PDB file of N, CA and C in Angstrom:
ATOM      1  N   MET A   1     -15.494   1.062   1.169  1.00  0.00           N
ATOM      2  CA  MET A   1     -14.883   0.929  -0.133  1.00  0.00           C
ATOM      3  C   MET A   1     -15.008  -0.512  -0.609  1.00  0.00           C
ATOM      4  N   GLY A   2     -14.684  -0.730  -1.856  1.00  0.00           N
ATOM      5  CA  GLY A   2     -14.911  -2.015  -2.492  1.00  0.00           C
ATOM      6  C   GLY A   2     -14.090  -3.161  -1.936  1.00  0.00           C
ATOM      7  N   SER A   3     -14.554  -4.360  -2.248  1.00  0.00           N
ATOM      8  CA  SER A   3     -13.867  -5.581  -1.867  1.00  0.00           C
ATOM      9  C   SER A   3     -12.556  -5.694  -2.630  1.00  0.00           C
ATOM     10  N   LEU A   4     -11.567  -6.303  -2.024  1.00  0.00           N
ATOM     11  CA  LEU A   4     -10.293  -6.485  -2.703  1.00  0.00           C
ATOM     12  C   LEU A   4     -10.417  -7.441  -3.884  1.00  0.00           C
ATOM     13  N   GLN A   5     -11.424  -8.301  -3.872  1.00  0.00           N
ATOM     14  CA  GLN A   5     -11.630  -9.198  -5.006  1.00  0.00           C
ATOM     15  C   GLN A   5     -11.880  -8.405  -6.288  1.00  0.00           C
ATOM     16  N   ASN A   6     -12.442  -7.208  -6.163  1.00  0.00           N
ATOM     17  CA  ASN A   6     -12.665  -6.358  -7.331  1.00  0.00           C
ATOM     18  C   ASN A   6     -11.357  -5.928  -7.982  1.00  0.00           C
ATOM     19  N   TYR A   7     -10.243  -6.042  -7.247  1.00  0.00           N
ATOM     20  CA  TYR A   7      -8.943  -5.579  -7.731  1.00  0.00           C
ATOM     21  C   TYR A   7      -7.970  -6.734  -7.963  1.00  0.00           C
ATOM     22  N   ARG A   8      -8.471  -7.952  -8.028  1.00  0.00           N
ATOM     23  CA  ARG A   8      -7.580  -9.115  -8.130  1.00  0.00           C
ATOM     24  C   ARG A   8      -6.750  -9.129  -9.405  1.00  0.00           C
ATOM     25  N   ASP A   9      -7.201  -8.461 -10.476  1.00  0.00           N
ATOM     26  CA  ASP A   9      -6.440  -8.430 -11.721  1.00  0.00           C
ATOM     27  C   ASP A   9      -5.506  -7.225 -11.811  1.00  0.00           C
ATOM     28  N   LEU A  10      -5.518  -6.393 -10.787  1.00  0.00           N
ATOM     29  CA  LEU A  10      -4.681  -5.200 -10.763  1.00  0.00           C
ATOM     30  C   LEU A  10      -3.232  -5.589 -10.468  1.00  0.00           C
ATOM     31  N   GLU A  11      -2.302  -4.992 -11.173  1.00  0.00           N
ATOM     32  CA  GLU A  11      -0.893  -5.243 -10.896  1.00  0.00           C
ATOM     33  C   GLU A  11      -0.496  -4.456  -9.647  1.00  0.00           C
ATOM     34  N   ILE A  12      -0.092  -5.175  -8.614  1.00  0.00           N
ATOM     35  CA  ILE A  12       0.295  -4.563  -7.341  1.00  0.00           C
ATOM     36  C   ILE A  12       1.817  -4.485  -7.275  1.00  0.00           C
ATOM     37  N   ASP A  13       2.342  -3.330  -6.939  1.00  0.00           N
ATOM     38  CA  ASP A  13       3.770  -3.169  -6.728  1.00  0.00           C
ATOM     39  C   ASP A  13       4.043  -3.423  -5.242  1.00  0.00           C
ATOM     40  N   TRP A  14       4.382  -4.656  -4.912  1.00  0.00           N
ATOM     41  CA  TRP A  14       4.577  -5.043  -3.522  1.00  0.00           C
ATOM     42  C   TRP A  14       5.858  -4.455  -2.937  1.00  0.00           C
ATOM     43  N   SER A  15       6.764  -3.977  -3.791  1.00  0.00           N
ATOM     44  CA  SER A  15       8.005  -3.397  -3.274  1.00  0.00           C
ATOM     45  C   SER A  15       7.870  -1.895  -3.001  1.00  0.00           C
ATOM     46  N   MET A  16       6.765  -1.290  -3.426  1.00  0.00           N
ATOM     47  CA  MET A  16       6.571   0.156  -3.226  1.00  0.00           C
ATOM     48  C   MET A  16       6.226   0.427  -1.759  1.00  0.00           C
ATOM     49  N   THR A  17       7.002   1.297  -1.147  1.00  0.00           N
ATOM     50  CA  THR A  17       6.721   1.723   0.222  1.00  0.00           C
ATOM     51  C   THR A  17       6.086   3.111   0.162  1.00  0.00           C
ATOM     52  N   PRO A  18       5.435   3.541   1.218  1.00  0.00           N
ATOM     53  CA  PRO A  18       4.860   4.888   1.205  1.00  0.00           C
ATOM     54  C   PRO A  18       5.908   5.965   0.936  1.00  0.00           C
ATOM     55  N   TRP A  19       7.081   5.842   1.521  1.00  0.00           N
ATOM     56  CA  TRP A  19       8.111   6.868   1.337  1.00  0.00           C
ATOM     57  C   TRP A  19       8.730   6.790  -0.066  1.00  0.00           C
ATOM     58  N   ASP A  20       8.839   5.584  -0.634  1.00  0.00           N
ATOM     59  CA  ASP A  20       9.311   5.483  -2.020  1.00  0.00           C
ATOM     60  C   ASP A  20       8.312   6.145  -2.971  1.00  0.00           C
ATOM     61  N   ALA A  21       7.025   5.957  -2.716  1.00  0.00           N
ATOM     62  CA  ALA A  21       5.998   6.543  -3.583  1.00  0.00           C
ATOM     63  C   ALA A  21       6.063   8.064  -3.556  1.00  0.00           C
ATOM     64  N   VAL A  22       6.245   8.638  -2.385  1.00  0.00           N
ATOM     65  CA  VAL A  22       6.356  10.094  -2.285  1.00  0.00           C
ATOM     66  C   VAL A  22       7.594  10.571  -3.032  1.00  0.00           C
ATOM     67  N   THR A  23       8.716   9.899  -2.824  1.00  0.00           N
ATOM     68  CA  THR A  23       9.951  10.290  -3.506  1.00  0.00           C
ATOM     69  C   THR A  23       9.803  10.187  -5.023  1.00  0.00           C
ATOM     70  N   LEU A  24       9.214   9.110  -5.476  1.00  0.00           N
ATOM     71  CA  LEU A  24       9.119   8.853  -6.900  1.00  0.00           C
ATOM     72  C   LEU A  24       8.125   9.767  -7.610  1.00  0.00           C
ATOM     73  N   TYR A  25       6.991  10.040  -6.973  1.00  0.00           N
ATOM     74  CA  TYR A  25       5.912  10.740  -7.669  1.00  0.00           C
ATOM     75  C   TYR A  25       5.831  12.238  -7.417  1.00  0.00           C
ATOM     76  N   LEU A  26       6.502  12.731  -6.401  1.00  0.00           N
ATOM     77  CA  LEU A  26       6.524  14.174  -6.240  1.00  0.00           C
ATOM     78  C   LEU A  26       7.499  14.766  -7.241  1.00  0.00           C
ATOM     79  N   GLU A  27       7.189  15.912  -7.735  1.00  0.00           N
ATOM     80  CA  GLU A  27       7.980  16.529  -8.805  1.00  0.00           C
ATOM     81  C   GLU A  27       9.461  16.614  -8.458  1.00  0.00           C
ATOM     82  N   TRP A  28       9.751  17.024  -7.224  1.00  0.00           N
ATOM     83  CA  TRP A  28      11.148  17.178  -6.827  1.00  0.00           C
ATOM     84  C   TRP A  28      11.834  15.843  -6.593  1.00  0.00           C
ATOM     85  N   GLY A  29      11.076  14.781  -6.498  1.00  0.00           N
ATOM     86  CA  GLY A  29      11.672  13.487  -6.198  1.00  0.00           C
ATOM     87  C   GLY A  29      11.587  12.513  -7.346  1.00  0.00           C
ATOM     88  N   ASN A  30      11.400  12.998  -8.549  1.00  0.00           N
ATOM     89  CA  ASN A  30      11.205  12.127  -9.695  1.00  0.00           C
ATOM     90  C   ASN A  30      12.520  11.470 -10.098  1.00  0.00           C
ATOM     91  N   ASN A  31      12.915  10.491  -9.315  1.00  0.00           N
ATOM     92  CA  ASN A  31      14.156   9.782  -9.621  1.00  0.00           C
ATOM     93  C   ASN A  31      14.043   8.351  -9.151  1.00  0.00           C
ATOM     94  N   SER A  32      14.946   7.561  -9.569  1.00  0.00           N
ATOM     95  CA  SER A  32      14.998   6.160  -9.177  1.00  0.00           C
ATOM     96  C   SER A  32      16.147   5.988  -8.189  1.00  0.00           C
ATOM     97  N   TRP A  33      16.060   6.648  -7.067  1.00  0.00           N
ATOM     98  CA  TRP A  33      17.176   6.748  -6.130  1.00  0.00           C
ATOM     99  C   TRP A  33      17.640   5.418  -5.556  1.00  0.00           C
ATOM    100  N   HIS A  34      16.776   4.411  -5.502  1.00  0.00           N
ATOM    101  CA  HIS A  34      17.207   3.078  -5.076  1.00  0.00           C
ATOM    102  C   HIS A  34      17.358   2.153  -6.266  1.00  0.00           C
ATOM    103  N   ALA A  35      17.043   2.647  -7.460  1.00  0.00           N
ATOM    104  CA  ALA A  35      17.072   1.852  -8.697  1.00  0.00           C
ATOM    105  C   ALA A  35      16.082   0.687  -8.645  1.00  0.00           C
ATOM    106  N   ASN A  36      15.089   0.753  -7.730  1.00  0.00           N
ATOM    107  CA  ASN A  36      14.054  -0.283  -7.660  1.00  0.00           C
ATOM    108  C   ASN A  36      12.883   0.021  -8.584  1.00  0.00           C
ATOM    109  N   HIS A  37      12.726   1.266  -8.965  1.00  0.00           N
ATOM    110  CA  HIS A  37      11.581   1.691  -9.760  1.00  0.00           C
ATOM    111  C   HIS A  37      12.065   2.585 -10.899  1.00  0.00           C
ATOM    112  N   GLN A  38      11.384   2.472 -12.021  1.00  0.00           N
ATOM    113  CA  GLN A  38      11.678   3.346 -13.151  1.00  0.00           C
ATOM    114  C   GLN A  38      11.252   4.772 -12.826  1.00  0.00           C
ATOM    115  N   PRO A  39      11.973   5.769 -13.316  1.00  0.00           N
ATOM    116  CA  PRO A  39      11.557   7.161 -13.088  1.00  0.00           C
ATOM    117  C   PRO A  39      10.193   7.430 -13.730  1.00  0.00           C
ATOM    118  N   VAL A  40       9.455   8.331 -13.142  1.00  0.00           N
ATOM    119  CA  VAL A  40       8.159   8.735 -13.678  1.00  0.00           C
ATOM    120  C   VAL A  40       8.420   9.643 -14.870  1.00  0.00           C
ATOM    121  N   ARG A  41       7.787   9.317 -15.984  1.00  0.00           N
ATOM    122  CA  ARG A  41       8.003  10.096 -17.206  1.00  0.00           C
ATOM    123  C   ARG A  41       6.796  10.926 -17.606  1.00  0.00           C
ATOM    124  N   SER A  42       5.603  10.533 -17.122  1.00  0.00           N
ATOM    125  CA  SER A  42       4.391  11.272 -17.494  1.00  0.00           C
ATOM    126  C   SER A  42       3.303  11.027 -16.457  1.00  0.00           C
ATOM    127  N   LYS A  43       2.195  11.757 -16.609  1.00  0.00           N
ATOM    128  CA  LYS A  43       1.049  11.585 -15.710  1.00  0.00           C
ATOM    129  C   LYS A  43       0.406  10.212 -15.867  1.00  0.00           C
ATOM    130  N   ALA A  44       0.706   9.549 -16.976  1.00  0.00           N
ATOM    131  CA  ALA A  44       0.144   8.220 -17.216  1.00  0.00           C
ATOM    132  C   ALA A  44       0.868   7.133 -16.414  1.00  0.00           C
ATOM    133  N   ASP A  45       2.039   7.439 -15.874  1.00  0.00           N
ATOM    134  CA  ASP A  45       2.764   6.480 -15.043  1.00  0.00           C
ATOM    135  C   ASP A  45       2.123   6.443 -13.659  1.00  0.00           C
ATOM    136  N   PHE A  46       1.889   5.238 -13.154  1.00  0.00           N
ATOM    137  CA  PHE A  46       1.238   5.100 -11.847  1.00  0.00           C
ATOM    138  C   PHE A  46       1.699   3.815 -11.180  1.00  0.00           C
ATOM    139  N   SER A  47       1.417   3.717  -9.903  1.00  0.00           N
ATOM    140  CA  SER A  47       1.680   2.508  -9.131  1.00  0.00           C
ATOM    141  C   SER A  47       0.448   2.183  -8.304  1.00  0.00           C
ATOM    142  N   ASN A  48       0.214   0.896  -8.122  1.00  0.00           N
ATOM    143  CA  ASN A  48      -0.810   0.387  -7.210  1.00  0.00           C
ATOM    144  C   ASN A  48      -0.066  -0.326  -6.089  1.00  0.00           C
ATOM    145  N   TYR A  49      -0.319   0.064  -4.867  1.00  0.00           N
ATOM    146  CA  TYR A  49       0.408  -0.525  -3.745  1.00  0.00           C
ATOM    147  C   TYR A  49      -0.443  -0.431  -2.484  1.00  0.00           C
ATOM    148  N   PHE A  50      -0.071  -1.196  -1.490  1.00  0.00           N
ATOM    149  CA  PHE A  50      -0.770  -1.189  -0.208  1.00  0.00           C
ATOM    150  C   PHE A  50       0.047  -0.452   0.845  1.00  0.00           C
ATOM    151  N   VAL A  51      -0.669   0.181   1.754  1.00  0.00           N
ATOM    152  CA  VAL A  51      -0.078   0.739   2.961  1.00  0.00           C
ATOM    153  C   VAL A  51      -0.893   0.238   4.150  1.00  0.00           C
ATOM    154  N   VAL A  52      -0.270   0.252   5.304  1.00  0.00           N
ATOM    155  CA  VAL A  52      -0.981  -0.044   6.552  1.00  0.00           C
ATOM    156  C   VAL A  52      -1.040   1.255   7.338  1.00  0.00           C
ATOM    157  N   TYR A  53      -2.254   1.690   7.627  1.00  0.00           N
ATOM    158  CA  TYR A  53      -2.538   2.967   8.296  1.00  0.00           C
ATOM    159  C   TYR A  53      -2.815   2.681   9.768  1.00  0.00           C
ATOM    160  N   THR A  54      -2.004   3.246  10.654  1.00  0.00           N
ATOM    161  CA  THR A  54      -2.125   2.920  12.083  1.00  0.00           C
ATOM    162  C   THR A  54      -2.542   4.119  12.940  1.00  0.00           C
ATOM    163  N   TRP A  55      -3.102   5.143  12.326  1.00  0.00           N
ATOM    164  CA  TRP A  55      -3.512   6.306  13.105  1.00  0.00           C
ATOM    165  C   TRP A  55      -4.784   6.066  13.907  1.00  0.00           C
ATOM    166  N   ASP A  56      -5.584   5.104  13.501  1.00  0.00           N
ATOM    167  CA  ASP A  56      -6.822   4.785  14.220  1.00  0.00           C
ATOM    168  C   ASP A  56      -6.577   3.628  15.184  1.00  0.00           C
ATOM    169  N   LYS A  57      -7.589   3.318  15.986  1.00  0.00           N
ATOM    170  CA  LYS A  57      -7.462   2.251  16.974  1.00  0.00           C
ATOM    171  C   LYS A  57      -7.163   0.907  16.299  1.00  0.00           C
ATOM    172  N   THR A  58      -7.845   0.651  15.189  1.00  0.00           N
ATOM    173  CA  THR A  58      -7.646  -0.591  14.451  1.00  0.00           C
ATOM    174  C   THR A  58      -6.863  -0.302  13.174  1.00  0.00           C
ATOM    175  N   PRO A  59      -5.723  -0.957  12.969  1.00  0.00           N
ATOM    176  CA  PRO A  59      -4.955  -0.732  11.740  1.00  0.00           C
ATOM    177  C   PRO A  59      -5.758  -1.135  10.508  1.00  0.00           C
ATOM    178  N   ARG A  60      -5.566  -0.379   9.426  1.00  0.00           N
ATOM    179  CA  ARG A  60      -6.257  -0.645   8.164  1.00  0.00           C
ATOM    180  C   ARG A  60      -5.239  -0.802   7.049  1.00  0.00           C
ATOM    181  N   ALA A  61      -5.524  -1.741   6.143  1.00  0.00           N
ATOM    182  CA  ALA A  61      -4.745  -1.869   4.913  1.00  0.00           C
ATOM    183  C   ALA A  61      -5.496  -1.078   3.843  1.00  0.00           C
ATOM    184  N   ILE A  62      -4.764  -0.223   3.131  1.00  0.00           N
ATOM    185  CA  ILE A  62      -5.367   0.623   2.107  1.00  0.00           C
ATOM    186  C   ILE A  62      -4.653   0.374   0.786  1.00  0.00           C
ATOM    187  N   LEU A  63      -5.444   0.100  -0.252  1.00  0.00           N
ATOM    188  CA  LEU A  63      -4.919  -0.042  -1.608  1.00  0.00           C
ATOM    189  C   LEU A  63      -4.899   1.340  -2.243  1.00  0.00           C
ATOM    190  N   VAL A  64      -3.717   1.787  -2.649  1.00  0.00           N
ATOM    191  CA  VAL A  64      -3.512   3.138  -3.175  1.00  0.00           C
ATOM    192  C   VAL A  64      -3.106   3.050  -4.641  1.00  0.00           C
ATOM    193  N   ARG A  65      -3.648   3.945  -5.439  1.00  0.00           N
ATOM    194  CA  ARG A  65      -3.187   4.139  -6.822  1.00  0.00           C
ATOM    195  C   ARG A  65      -2.631   5.552  -6.877  1.00  0.00           C
ATOM    196  N   ARG A  66      -1.338   5.683  -7.194  1.00  0.00           N
ATOM    197  CA  ARG A  66      -0.678   6.986  -7.174  1.00  0.00           C
ATOM    198  C   ARG A  66      -0.061   7.273  -8.533  1.00  0.00           C
ATOM    199  N   ASN A  67      -0.237   8.525  -8.960  1.00  0.00           N
ATOM    200  CA  ASN A  67       0.527   9.053 -10.082  1.00  0.00           C
ATOM    201  C   ASN A  67       1.091  10.389  -9.639  1.00  0.00           C
ATOM    202  N   SER A  68       1.615  11.174 -10.559  1.00  0.00           N
ATOM    203  CA  SER A  68       2.262  12.430 -10.180  1.00  0.00           C
ATOM    204  C   SER A  68       1.265  13.501  -9.763  1.00  0.00           C
ATOM    205  N   GLU A  69      -0.030  13.275  -9.995  1.00  0.00           N
ATOM    206  CA  GLU A  69      -1.041  14.266  -9.623  1.00  0.00           C
ATOM    207  C   GLU A  69      -1.785  13.949  -8.338  1.00  0.00           C
ATOM    208  N   GLU A  70      -1.960  12.664  -8.036  1.00  0.00           N
ATOM    209  CA  GLU A  70      -2.781  12.323  -6.869  1.00  0.00           C
ATOM    210  C   GLU A  70      -2.477  10.932  -6.346  1.00  0.00           C
ATOM    211  N   ALA A  71      -2.918  10.700  -5.137  1.00  0.00           N
ATOM    212  CA  ALA A  71      -2.931   9.367  -4.542  1.00  0.00           C
ATOM    213  C   ALA A  71      -4.395   9.080  -4.228  1.00  0.00           C
ATOM    214  N   ARG A  72      -4.927   8.040  -4.863  1.00  0.00           N
ATOM    215  CA  ARG A  72      -6.342   7.719  -4.693  1.00  0.00           C
ATOM    216  C   ARG A  72      -6.467   6.398  -3.946  1.00  0.00           C
ATOM    217  N   GLU A  73      -7.297   6.381  -2.914  1.00  0.00           N
ATOM    218  CA  GLU A  73      -7.547   5.153  -2.158  1.00  0.00           C
ATOM    219  C   GLU A  73      -8.619   4.358  -2.882  1.00  0.00           C
ATOM    220  N   LEU A  74      -8.254   3.137  -3.311  1.00  0.00           N
ATOM    221  CA  LEU A  74      -9.185   2.301  -4.055  1.00  0.00           C
ATOM    222  C   LEU A  74     -10.011   1.410  -3.142  1.00  0.00           C
ATOM    223  N   ALA A  75      -9.399   0.916  -2.086  1.00  0.00           N
ATOM    224  CA  ALA A  75     -10.089   0.008  -1.160  1.00  0.00           C
ATOM    225  C   ALA A  75      -9.375   0.040   0.177  1.00  0.00           C
ATOM    226  N   GLU A  76     -10.111  -0.312   1.217  1.00  0.00           N
ATOM    227  CA  GLU A  76      -9.497  -0.426   2.546  1.00  0.00           C
ATOM    228  C   GLU A  76     -10.182  -1.516   3.339  1.00  0.00           C
ATOM    229  N   LEU A  77      -9.394  -2.161   4.180  1.00  0.00           N
ATOM    230  CA  LEU A  77      -9.877  -3.233   5.041  1.00  0.00           C
ATOM    231  C   LEU A  77      -9.221  -3.112   6.401  1.00  0.00           C
ATOM    232  N   GLU A  78      -9.992  -3.308   7.450  1.00  0.00           N
ATOM    233  CA  GLU A  78      -9.396  -3.390   8.784  1.00  0.00           C
ATOM    234  C   GLU A  78      -8.660  -4.717   8.885  1.00  0.00           C
ATOM    235  N   LEU A  79      -7.488  -4.687   9.503  1.00  0.00           N
ATOM    236  CA  LEU A  79      -6.762  -5.930   9.723  1.00  0.00           C
ATOM    237  C   LEU A  79      -7.497  -6.744  10.785  1.00  0.00           C
ATOM    238  N   PRO A  80      -7.493  -8.067  10.649  1.00  0.00           N
ATOM    239  CA  PRO A  80      -8.056  -8.900  11.719  1.00  0.00           C
ATOM    240  C   PRO A  80      -7.347  -8.584  13.033  1.00  0.00           C
ATOM    241  N   GLU A  81      -8.039  -8.781  14.126  1.00  0.00           N
ATOM    242  CA  GLU A  81      -7.532  -8.366  15.438  1.00  0.00           C
ATOM    243  C   GLU A  81      -6.127  -8.887  15.736  1.00  0.00           C
ATOM    244  N   ASP A  82      -5.897 -10.201  15.570  1.00  0.00           N
ATOM    245  CA  ASP A  82      -4.578 -10.777  15.881  1.00  0.00           C
ATOM    246  C   ASP A  82      -3.491 -10.209  14.969  1.00  0.00           C
ATOM    247  N   LEU A  83      -3.796 -10.108  13.687  1.00  0.00           N
ATOM    248  CA  LEU A  83      -2.829  -9.588  12.726  1.00  0.00           C
ATOM    249  C   LEU A  83      -2.535  -8.113  13.004  1.00  0.00           C
ATOM    250  N   GLY A  84      -3.580  -7.361  13.325  1.00  0.00           N
ATOM    251  CA  GLY A  84      -3.408  -5.948  13.655  1.00  0.00           C
ATOM    252  C   GLY A  84      -2.546  -5.755  14.890  1.00  0.00           C
ATOM    253  N   ARG A  85      -2.774  -6.583  15.894  1.00  0.00           N
ATOM    254  CA  ARG A  85      -1.983  -6.490  17.133  1.00  0.00           C
ATOM    255  C   ARG A  85      -0.506  -6.807  16.856  1.00  0.00           C
ATOM    256  N   LYS A  86      -0.256  -7.857  16.066  1.00  0.00           N
ATOM    257  CA  LYS A  86       1.127  -8.215  15.715  1.00  0.00           C
ATOM    258  C   LYS A  86       1.795  -7.083  14.930  1.00  0.00           C
ATOM    259  N   PHE A  87       1.043  -6.499  13.993  1.00  0.00           N
ATOM    260  CA  PHE A  87       1.623  -5.424  13.196  1.00  0.00           C
ATOM    261  C   PHE A  87       1.953  -4.227  14.082  1.00  0.00           C
ATOM    262  N   LEU A  88       1.028  -3.856  14.960  1.00  0.00           N
ATOM    263  CA  LEU A  88       1.287  -2.729  15.865  1.00  0.00           C
ATOM    264  C   LEU A  88       2.500  -3.000  16.747  1.00  0.00           C
ATOM    265  N   ASP A  89       2.622  -4.233  17.224  1.00  0.00           N
ATOM    266  CA  ASP A  89       3.805  -4.591  18.016  1.00  0.00           C
ATOM    267  C   ASP A  89       5.081  -4.400  17.197  1.00  0.00           C
ATOM    268  N   SER A  90       5.026  -4.758  15.911  1.00  0.00           N
ATOM    269  CA  SER A  90       6.227  -4.684  15.066  1.00  0.00           C
ATOM    270  C   SER A  90       6.670  -3.251  14.782  1.00  0.00           C
ATOM    271  N   VAL A  91       5.737  -2.302  14.877  1.00  0.00           N
ATOM    272  CA  VAL A  91       6.090  -0.889  14.640  1.00  0.00           C
ATOM    273  C   VAL A  91       6.101  -0.088  15.944  1.00  0.00           C
ATOM    274  N   GLY A  92       6.155  -0.806  17.051  1.00  0.00           N
ATOM    275  CA  GLY A  92       6.237  -0.138  18.351  1.00  0.00           C
ATOM    276  C   GLY A  92       5.003   0.665  18.706  1.00  0.00           C
ATOM    277  N   HIS A  93       3.844   0.291  18.144  1.00  0.00           N
ATOM    278  CA  HIS A  93       2.565   0.978  18.389  1.00  0.00           C
ATOM    279  C   HIS A  93       2.612   2.453  18.000  1.00  0.00           C
ATOM    280  N   LEU A  94       3.508   2.785  17.066  1.00  0.00           N
ATOM    281  CA  LEU A  94       3.607   4.167  16.590  1.00  0.00           C
ATOM    282  C   LEU A  94       2.540   4.443  15.546  1.00  0.00           C
ATOM    283  N   LYS A  95       2.013   5.641  15.571  1.00  0.00           N
ATOM    284  CA  LYS A  95       1.044   6.080  14.568  1.00  0.00           C
ATOM    285  C   LYS A  95       1.796   6.370  13.277  1.00  0.00           C
ATOM    286  N   GLY A  96       1.225   5.961  12.145  1.00  0.00           N
ATOM    287  CA  GLY A  96       1.887   6.239  10.882  1.00  0.00           C
ATOM    288  C   GLY A  96       1.275   5.484   9.726  1.00  0.00           C
ATOM    289  N   VAL A  97       1.993   5.516   8.622  1.00  0.00           N
ATOM    290  CA  VAL A  97       1.618   4.811   7.395  1.00  0.00           C
ATOM    291  C   VAL A  97       2.827   3.974   7.001  1.00  0.00           C
ATOM    292  N   TYR A  98       2.634   2.659   6.913  1.00  0.00           N
ATOM    293  CA  TYR A  98       3.731   1.723   6.737  1.00  0.00           C
ATOM    294  C   TYR A  98       3.471   0.786   5.563  1.00  0.00           C
ATOM    295  N   PRO A  99       4.535   0.199   5.018  1.00  0.00           N
ATOM    296  CA  PRO A  99       4.330  -0.865   4.033  1.00  0.00           C
ATOM    297  C   PRO A  99       3.856  -2.124   4.758  1.00  0.00           C
ATOM    298  N   PRO A 100       3.094  -2.957   4.081  1.00  0.00           N
ATOM    299  CA  PRO A 100       2.678  -4.212   4.731  1.00  0.00           C
ATOM    300  C   PRO A 100       3.880  -5.119   4.964  1.00  0.00           C
ATOM    301  N   ASP A 101       3.875  -5.811   6.093  1.00  0.00           N
ATOM    302  CA  ASP A 101       4.923  -6.802   6.328  1.00  0.00           C
ATOM    303  C   ASP A 101       4.504  -8.108   5.641  1.00  0.00           C
ATOM    304  N   LYS A 102       5.312  -9.143   5.789  1.00  0.00           N
ATOM    305  CA  LYS A 102       5.070 -10.411   5.094  1.00  0.00           C
ATOM    306  C   LYS A 102       3.712 -11.011   5.469  1.00  0.00           C
ATOM    307  N   GLU A 103       3.372 -10.995   6.747  1.00  0.00           N
ATOM    308  CA  GLU A 103       2.103 -11.576   7.192  1.00  0.00           C
ATOM    309  C   GLU A 103       0.911 -10.792   6.640  1.00  0.00           C
ATOM    310  N   VAL A 104       1.000  -9.479   6.649  1.00  0.00           N
ATOM    311  CA  VAL A 104      -0.091  -8.651   6.122  1.00  0.00           C
ATOM    312  C   VAL A 104      -0.209  -8.869   4.616  1.00  0.00           C
ATOM    313  N   ARG A 105       0.923  -8.948   3.926  1.00  0.00           N
ATOM    314  CA  ARG A 105       0.865  -9.193   2.480  1.00  0.00           C
ATOM    315  C   ARG A 105       0.173 -10.522   2.175  1.00  0.00           C
ATOM    316  N   THR A 106       0.532 -11.567   2.900  1.00  0.00           N
ATOM    317  CA  THR A 106      -0.096 -12.875   2.690  1.00  0.00           C
ATOM    318  C   THR A 106      -1.605 -12.771   2.893  1.00  0.00           C
ATOM    319  N   TRP A 107      -2.028 -12.094   3.936  1.00  0.00           N
ATOM    320  CA  TRP A 107      -3.459 -11.914   4.211  1.00  0.00           C
ATOM    321  C   TRP A 107      -4.125 -11.124   3.087  1.00  0.00           C
ATOM    322  N   LEU A 108      -3.472 -10.068   2.610  1.00  0.00           N
ATOM    323  CA  LEU A 108      -4.044  -9.259   1.522  1.00  0.00           C
ATOM    324  C   LEU A 108      -4.181 -10.077   0.245  1.00  0.00           C
ATOM    325  N   GLU A 109      -3.174 -10.883  -0.061  1.00  0.00           N
ATOM    326  CA  GLU A 109      -3.251 -11.726  -1.252  1.00  0.00           C
ATOM    327  C   GLU A 109      -4.417 -12.719  -1.136  1.00  0.00           C
ATOM    328  N   GLU A 110      -4.656 -13.241   0.065  1.00  0.00           N
ATOM    329  CA  GLU A 110      -5.804 -14.133   0.287  1.00  0.00           C
ATOM    330  C   GLU A 110      -7.117 -13.389   0.058  1.00  0.00           C
ATOM    331  N   GLN A 111      -7.173 -12.138   0.504  1.00  0.00           N
ATOM    332  CA  GLN A 111      -8.397 -11.357   0.345  1.00  0.00           C
ATOM    333  C   GLN A 111      -8.692 -11.034  -1.128  1.00  0.00           C
ATOM    334  N   MET A 112      -7.658 -11.029  -1.951  1.00  0.00           N
ATOM    335  CA  MET A 112      -7.816 -10.707  -3.367  1.00  0.00           C
ATOM    336  C   MET A 112      -8.218 -11.925  -4.206  1.00  0.00           C
ATOM    337  N   ARG A 113      -8.033 -13.119  -3.673  1.00  0.00           N
ATOM    338  CA  ARG A 113      -8.383 -14.338  -4.414  1.00  0.00           C
ATOM    339  C   ARG A 113      -9.901 -14.463  -4.514  1.00  0.00           C
ATOM    340  N   PRO A 114     -10.360 -15.017  -5.645  1.00  0.00           N
ATOM    341  CA  PRO A 114     -11.808 -15.265  -5.773  1.00  0.00           C
ATOM    342  C   PRO A 114     -12.288 -16.244  -4.711  1.00  0.00           C
ATOM    343  N   GLN A 115     -13.453 -15.985  -4.177  1.00  0.00           N
ATOM    344  CA  GLN A 115     -14.036 -16.888  -3.172  1.00  0.00           C
ATOM    345  C   GLN A 115     -14.595 -18.122  -3.862  1.00  0.00           C
ATOM    346  N   GLN A 116     -14.363 -19.267  -3.278  1.00  0.00           N
ATOM    347  CA  GLN A 116     -14.835 -20.544  -3.867  1.00  0.00           C
ATOM    348  C   GLN A 116     -16.248 -20.837  -3.429  1.00  0.00           C
TER     349      GLN A 116
END
């Protein structure tokens, strides 16, 4: 998938977690239950956010664009070895889909900056 630099102008919702996205965008969960996000009003409402996918040997950061109809993966990157190991340690090496922690977010923001 594409480089994160291709998405540097995209508005990223850094507070969106995978479980918040499911709650917010599924028909039965269309509410602002934590009051962190506005309720979804139409198919035109969407969020761009990152998740960390740990089902494979190497954790991957995935940029997701979600609306009430679909979740589309825009880009993905394997985490660097040290960062991936730290992240896996922080989640007890459990398989799953997680929001990026502070270190992963910092790394993702660096990946989105234009290269000099």
